[in-house]
Protein backbone atom coordinates (compact mmCIF):
# COMPACT_ATOMS: atom_id res chain seq x y z
CA MET A 1 -9.15 -9.89 -4.84
CA ALA A 2 -8.82 -7.20 -7.07
CA VAL A 3 -6.28 -4.12 -6.30
CA PHE A 4 -6.86 -0.87 -8.24
CA GLY A 5 -4.31 2.31 -7.84
CA ASP A 6 -0.63 3.46 -7.82
CA PHE A 7 1.65 0.93 -8.68
CA CYS A 8 5.03 1.83 -7.96
CA ILE A 9 8.67 0.57 -7.70
CA ASP A 10 10.78 1.17 -4.97
CA ALA A 11 14.71 0.87 -6.38
CA TYR A 12 17.65 0.27 -4.10
CA TRP A 13 20.94 1.55 -5.73
CA ASP A 14 24.10 -0.05 -3.15
CA LEU A 15 26.83 2.88 -3.94
CA ASP A 16 30.61 1.87 -3.80
CA GLU A 17 32.17 3.83 -1.69
CA GLY A 18 35.51 2.59 -2.93
CA GLU A 19 38.73 4.70 -4.60
CA GLU A 20 37.06 8.44 -5.57
CA GLU A 21 36.70 9.35 -9.33
CA TYR A 22 35.82 12.54 -10.95
CA SER A 23 34.23 13.51 -13.87
CA LEU A 24 36.68 14.48 -16.60
CA GLU A 25 33.57 16.79 -18.05
CA THR A 26 32.60 18.54 -15.27
CA GLY A 27 34.68 17.74 -12.08
CA LEU A 28 32.01 16.24 -10.34
CA LYS A 29 32.34 13.04 -8.19
CA VAL A 30 31.14 9.96 -9.57
CA ARG A 31 28.83 7.53 -7.96
CA ARG A 32 29.19 4.24 -9.13
CA VAL A 33 26.13 1.48 -8.01
CA ARG A 34 27.43 -1.79 -7.60
CA ARG A 35 24.07 -3.54 -7.02
CA GLN A 36 20.43 -2.55 -8.19
CA ARG A 37 17.63 -3.87 -6.17
CA TYR A 38 14.18 -3.15 -7.06
CA SER A 39 10.63 -4.26 -5.26
CA LEU A 40 7.20 -3.39 -5.69
CA GLY A 41 5.96 -0.42 -3.93
CA GLY A 42 2.13 1.65 -3.10
CA ALA A 43 -0.42 -0.78 -4.89
CA GLY A 44 2.21 -3.50 -6.44
CA ASN A 45 3.34 -4.21 -3.11
CA VAL A 46 -0.08 -4.96 -1.81
CA VAL A 47 -0.55 -7.62 -4.97
CA ALA A 48 3.08 -8.83 -3.27
CA ASN A 49 1.31 -9.58 -0.21
CA LEU A 50 -1.46 -10.53 -1.34
CA ALA A 51 0.43 -13.07 -3.51
CA ALA A 52 2.33 -13.89 -0.15
CA LEU A 53 -0.24 -14.62 1.69
CA ASN A 54 -1.66 -17.10 -0.77
CA VAL A 55 -4.80 -15.77 -2.17
CA GLY A 56 -6.30 -17.38 -4.65
CA HIS A 57 -6.42 -14.81 -7.45
CA VAL A 58 -5.31 -11.58 -7.27
CA GLN A 59 -6.26 -8.91 -10.27
CA ALA A 60 -3.78 -5.95 -10.20
CA LEU A 61 -5.20 -2.43 -12.04
CA GLY A 62 -3.41 0.34 -13.15
CA ILE A 63 -1.15 2.41 -15.21
CA SER A 64 2.52 2.24 -15.94
CA GLY A 65 4.75 3.89 -18.47
CA THR A 66 6.26 2.14 -21.48
CA ASP A 67 9.96 2.53 -19.91
CA PRO A 68 12.03 0.20 -18.71
CA PHE A 69 10.61 0.94 -15.23
CA GLY A 70 7.52 -0.31 -16.15
CA GLU A 71 8.98 -3.68 -18.12
CA VAL A 72 10.79 -4.31 -14.51
CA MET A 73 7.04 -3.90 -12.71
CA HIS A 74 5.14 -5.85 -15.61
CA SER A 75 7.47 -8.45 -15.16
CA MET A 76 7.78 -8.59 -11.31
CA LEU A 77 3.75 -8.73 -11.01
CA SER A 78 3.66 -11.36 -13.72
CA ASP A 79 6.04 -13.64 -11.70
CA TYR A 80 3.30 -13.82 -8.95
CA ARG A 81 1.66 -17.47 -10.41
CA ASN A 82 -1.97 -16.06 -8.86
CA CYS A 83 -1.96 -12.32 -10.34
CA LYS A 84 -3.26 -11.46 -13.41
CA CYS A 85 -1.69 -8.06 -14.32
CA ASP A 86 -4.20 -5.61 -16.05
CA VAL A 87 -1.65 -2.80 -15.70
CA ILE A 88 -2.11 -0.75 -18.85
CA GLU A 89 0.83 0.58 -20.03
CA ASP A 90 1.10 4.63 -21.42
CA ALA A 91 3.77 5.76 -23.49
CA ALA A 92 2.83 9.59 -21.97
CA TRP A 93 3.17 7.92 -18.34
CA GLN A 94 6.33 8.15 -16.38
CA THR A 95 6.55 4.64 -14.14
CA MET A 96 6.51 6.09 -10.51
CA VAL A 97 9.70 5.02 -9.00
CA TYR A 98 11.21 5.87 -5.71
CA ALA A 99 15.13 5.60 -5.90
CA LYS A 100 16.81 5.41 -2.72
CA PRO A 101 20.88 5.65 -3.07
CA CYS A 102 22.14 3.67 -0.15
CA ILE A 103 25.54 3.50 1.50
CA GLY A 104 25.48 0.04 3.72
CA ASN A 105 22.13 1.03 5.76
CA LEU A 106 22.11 4.23 5.58
CA GLU A 107 19.72 5.70 2.72
CA GLU A 108 20.78 9.31 0.90
CA GLY A 109 18.01 11.43 -0.72
CA ARG A 110 15.13 9.98 -2.26
CA ILE A 111 15.01 10.34 -6.34
CA ASP A 112 11.33 10.13 -7.52
CA PHE A 113 10.09 9.41 -10.90
CA GLY A 114 6.62 9.83 -12.41
CA SER A 115 5.65 12.85 -9.97
CA PHE A 116 4.30 14.79 -12.53
CA ASN A 117 1.97 12.36 -14.52
CA GLU A 118 -1.46 13.68 -15.87
CA SER A 119 -3.89 10.36 -16.43
CA ASN A 120 -5.04 10.43 -20.49
CA GLU A 121 -9.02 9.87 -20.64
CA SER A 122 -8.88 7.10 -22.91
CA VAL A 123 -6.36 4.99 -20.58
CA THR A 124 -8.94 6.57 -17.97
CA GLU A 125 -12.01 5.03 -19.14
CA ARG A 126 -10.35 1.32 -19.82
CA LEU A 127 -9.45 1.45 -16.64
CA LEU A 128 -12.57 2.14 -14.84
CA GLU A 129 -14.37 -0.44 -17.01
CA ARG A 130 -11.91 -3.07 -15.85
CA LEU A 131 -12.23 -1.75 -12.00
CA GLU A 132 -16.33 -2.49 -12.73
CA SER A 133 -15.92 -5.60 -14.55
CA ALA A 134 -13.68 -6.31 -11.41
CA ALA A 135 -15.92 -5.40 -8.54
CA ALA A 136 -18.51 -7.74 -9.99
CA ARG A 137 -16.16 -10.79 -9.85
CA HIS A 138 -14.39 -10.41 -6.94
CA ASP A 139 -14.73 -10.81 -2.80
CA VAL A 140 -12.57 -7.39 -1.67
CA VAL A 141 -11.54 -4.83 -4.28
CA ILE A 142 -8.72 -2.35 -2.55
CA LEU A 143 -8.35 1.24 -3.73
CA ASN A 144 -4.85 2.23 -3.10
CA GLN A 145 -4.11 5.82 -3.31
CA GLN A 146 -0.09 6.47 -3.01
CA VAL A 147 0.58 9.88 -5.10
CA GLU A 148 -1.57 12.59 -5.27
CA THR A 149 -0.93 12.99 -9.59
CA GLY A 150 -1.60 8.94 -9.81
CA VAL A 151 -4.59 7.13 -11.19
CA SER A 152 -6.81 8.45 -8.45
CA SER A 153 -7.51 11.76 -9.01
CA PRO A 154 -10.83 13.76 -7.32
CA LYS A 155 -12.64 13.45 -10.55
CA LEU A 156 -11.35 9.74 -10.81
CA ILE A 157 -12.74 9.02 -7.28
CA GLU A 158 -16.26 10.53 -8.09
CA ARG A 159 -16.50 7.63 -10.67
CA MET A 160 -14.99 5.37 -8.24
CA ASN A 161 -17.74 6.09 -5.88
CA GLY A 162 -20.27 4.85 -8.37
CA ILE A 163 -19.02 1.43 -8.87
CA ILE A 164 -18.55 1.51 -5.26
CA ALA A 165 -22.32 2.03 -5.07
CA SER A 166 -23.41 -0.35 -7.32
CA SER A 167 -21.58 -3.19 -6.13
CA LYS A 168 -23.65 -5.90 -4.97
CA LYS A 169 -20.61 -8.59 -4.53
CA ALA A 170 -17.18 -6.74 -3.57
CA VAL A 171 -16.52 -4.87 -0.49
CA PHE A 172 -14.25 -2.19 -1.11
CA LEU A 173 -11.23 -1.17 1.24
CA VAL A 174 -9.31 2.44 0.76
CA ASP A 175 -5.93 3.33 1.82
CA ALA A 176 -5.47 6.51 0.59
CA ARG A 177 -2.86 9.10 1.44
CA HIS A 178 -4.54 11.99 -0.65
CA HIS A 179 -8.17 12.98 -1.20
CA LEU A 180 -9.39 10.34 1.52
CA GLU A 181 -12.41 12.59 2.19
CA LYS A 182 -14.05 12.13 -1.28
CA PHE A 183 -14.18 8.38 -0.73
CA SER A 184 -17.57 7.17 0.40
CA GLY A 185 -19.01 3.82 0.59
CA ALA A 186 -15.72 2.15 1.37
CA LEU A 187 -14.04 1.01 4.49
CA LEU A 188 -11.05 2.95 5.65
CA LYS A 189 -7.61 2.02 6.57
CA VAL A 190 -5.61 5.07 7.61
CA ASN A 191 -2.92 6.06 10.15
CA MET A 192 -3.56 8.50 13.02
CA GLY A 193 -1.83 11.63 11.49
CA GLU A 194 -4.65 10.60 7.92
CA ALA A 195 -7.62 10.55 10.59
CA ALA A 196 -6.44 13.70 11.99
CA LYS A 197 -6.52 15.53 8.58
CA LEU A 198 -9.88 13.84 7.74
CA LEU A 199 -11.55 14.87 10.89
CA ASN A 200 -10.29 18.55 10.97
CA GLU A 201 -8.09 17.94 13.70
CA ALA A 202 -4.72 19.15 15.37
CA PRO A 203 -2.44 15.97 14.66
CA GLU A 204 -1.42 16.80 18.53
CA SER A 205 -1.46 13.99 20.77
CA LEU A 206 -1.76 11.43 17.70
CA HIS A 207 -0.23 8.46 20.05
CA GLU A 208 -3.01 8.32 22.79
CA ASP A 209 -5.39 5.87 23.13
CA GLU A 210 -8.45 8.47 24.09
CA ARG A 211 -7.52 10.46 20.91
CA ALA A 212 -7.48 6.80 18.78
CA ILE A 213 -10.97 5.85 20.32
CA GLU A 214 -12.49 9.11 19.29
CA PHE A 215 -11.21 9.38 15.99
CA ALA A 216 -11.90 5.79 15.17
CA THR A 217 -15.44 6.24 16.80
CA ARG A 218 -16.07 9.65 14.44
CA ILE A 219 -14.83 7.67 11.35
CA TYR A 220 -17.15 5.46 11.49
CA GLU A 221 -20.10 7.37 12.74
CA ARG A 222 -19.40 9.16 9.52
CA THR A 223 -18.90 6.08 7.10
CA SER A 224 -21.22 3.66 8.51
CA LYS A 225 -18.57 1.37 7.65
CA PRO A 226 -15.76 -0.83 9.73
CA THR A 227 -12.75 1.57 10.38
CA PHE A 228 -9.41 0.28 10.75
CA ILE A 229 -6.26 3.43 12.46
CA THR A 230 -2.84 2.18 12.27
CA ARG A 231 -0.83 3.09 15.64
CA GLY A 232 2.56 2.44 14.48
CA ASP A 233 3.98 0.32 17.26
CA LYS A 234 1.04 1.09 19.78
CA GLY A 235 -1.13 -1.48 17.15
CA ILE A 236 -3.97 -0.57 15.62
CA ALA A 237 -7.76 0.93 16.41
CA VAL A 238 -10.82 -0.68 14.90
CA ALA A 239 -14.20 0.36 15.03
CA ALA A 240 -16.91 -1.99 13.88
CA ASP A 241 -20.59 -2.78 15.32
CA GLY A 242 -20.80 0.20 16.98
CA LYS A 243 -17.27 -0.18 19.16
CA VAL A 244 -13.88 0.97 19.05
CA SER A 245 -11.22 -2.15 20.17
CA LEU A 246 -7.49 -1.14 20.63
CA ILE A 247 -5.10 -3.82 19.41
CA ALA A 248 -1.77 -3.65 21.22
CA GLY A 249 1.49 -3.63 19.05
CA TRP A 250 3.89 -6.31 19.08
CA PRO A 251 7.07 -5.76 21.00
CA VAL A 252 9.75 -5.86 17.69
CA GLU A 253 13.58 -5.96 18.41
CA GLY A 254 16.55 -4.56 16.68
CA PRO A 255 16.51 -2.59 13.94
CA ILE A 256 13.32 -1.68 12.05
CA ASP A 257 12.27 -0.53 8.63
CA THR A 258 8.44 0.13 8.04
CA VAL A 259 8.41 1.02 4.54
CA GLY A 260 5.27 -0.76 3.13
CA ALA A 261 4.62 -2.00 6.55
CA GLY A 262 0.67 0.11 5.78
CA ASP A 263 0.60 -2.43 2.68
CA THR A 264 1.32 -5.62 4.76
CA VAL A 265 -1.51 -4.09 6.89
CA VAL A 266 -4.39 -3.44 4.21
CA ALA A 267 -3.29 -6.99 2.62
CA THR A 268 -4.01 -8.70 5.70
CA ILE A 269 -7.36 -6.85 6.34
CA ALA A 270 -8.63 -7.39 3.20
CA ALA A 271 -7.73 -11.02 2.82
CA ALA A 272 -9.01 -12.15 6.07
CA LEU A 273 -13.02 -10.42 5.53
CA ALA A 274 -12.61 -12.12 2.25
CA THR A 275 -12.57 -15.57 4.03
CA GLY A 276 -15.08 -14.53 6.59
CA ALA A 277 -13.12 -12.85 9.49
CA THR A 278 -14.50 -10.29 11.85
CA PRO A 279 -13.15 -6.89 11.26
CA LEU A 280 -11.43 -7.32 14.96
CA GLN A 281 -9.87 -10.74 13.77
CA ALA A 282 -8.77 -9.05 10.34
CA ALA A 283 -7.03 -6.32 12.21
CA THR A 284 -5.46 -8.27 14.78
CA LEU A 285 -3.95 -10.76 12.02
CA ALA A 286 -2.89 -7.48 10.34
CA ASN A 287 -1.00 -6.35 13.66
CA LEU A 288 0.76 -9.77 13.58
CA ALA A 289 2.05 -9.22 10.13
CA ALA A 290 3.26 -6.24 10.50
CA THR A 291 5.97 -7.06 13.12
CA VAL A 292 6.74 -9.30 10.18
CA THR A 293 7.19 -6.88 7.53
CA VAL A 294 9.18 -4.31 9.86
CA LYS A 295 11.97 -6.67 10.25
CA LYS A 296 12.95 -6.65 6.73
CA LEU A 297 15.28 -4.03 6.01
CA GLN A 298 15.70 -1.75 2.82
CA THR A 299 13.00 -3.50 0.77
CA THR A 300 8.95 -3.12 0.86
CA GLY A 301 8.41 -6.60 2.57
CA THR A 302 5.38 -8.84 2.79
CA ALA A 303 4.28 -11.69 5.19
CA SER A 304 3.83 -15.47 4.58
CA PRO A 305 1.47 -17.59 6.79
CA ALA A 306 4.54 -19.25 7.72
CA GLU A 307 6.03 -15.99 9.06
CA ILE A 308 3.05 -14.81 10.57
CA LEU A 309 2.86 -17.80 12.62
CA ALA A 310 6.30 -17.79 13.48
CA ALA A 311 6.16 -14.26 15.05
CA ALA A 312 2.92 -15.46 16.96
CA GLY A 313 5.06 -18.45 18.32
CA VAL A 314 2.96 -20.98 16.58
CA ARG A 315 4.92 -23.52 14.09
CA TYR A 316 3.76 -23.95 10.67
CA PRO A 317 2.71 -27.18 9.31
């Protein structure tokens, strides 16, 4: 597998709410961080999920800064024995970080890094060369577009479409928050809001089954490729072989955190397709895997084979 796109970090900063302290210089209240926790986000979390699924080989293709967050990202990716980190370091690039100050289980206002990146042309060319090489070697290539100012600009997507069209081996699976309409030749994983935007539809009644069937049908007819629409706790709609199937959501008890659940879904779908599963089988497995991830609070979680089987009530050997 190869994962190309916006590699990010989710930073959780646990704030201490003990004795108050105020800055002598500004008079403002000091916020003390008792503990820092970091997890891979965006394309990085897709890699983490593929690694958790024991995929044989994963190639990570993206850009990071040379800042301390970039060092953390490279270290975390390198910890996976089955991952080749081809994330290019660029001094002009800010590593994309979602910093989340937390008080107990409550998150305060997020602080984002890397929202104004502009890709360097020479770095972009190197990245595209690696993508083209990866397409010739891998079974599935996941294209992750997380940030509008990230790796996948409209101009770059045109170049990527050329690689998709010329690929004779790899299946391409796109998970994009922006510019979804510009991708061609790939399978799409979208949520209902993204599907509505792609089809120029109003977002009303997004949770109705009839609407999900309609959207999945229209996207499938537009792309002629299997289409996966995630629907939160209502499950997944999958269009393939000329028909649409609705996979019901699994019941989940207790508090949930949906951050990273979409990454689990796209990684599981890709891994299943690579082993010969049908789109319906892949979506069914991904739907179950997501129930594992959403139970993991304040982290961009992953789902292992043992955890997925346990969620289904099956004992892992």
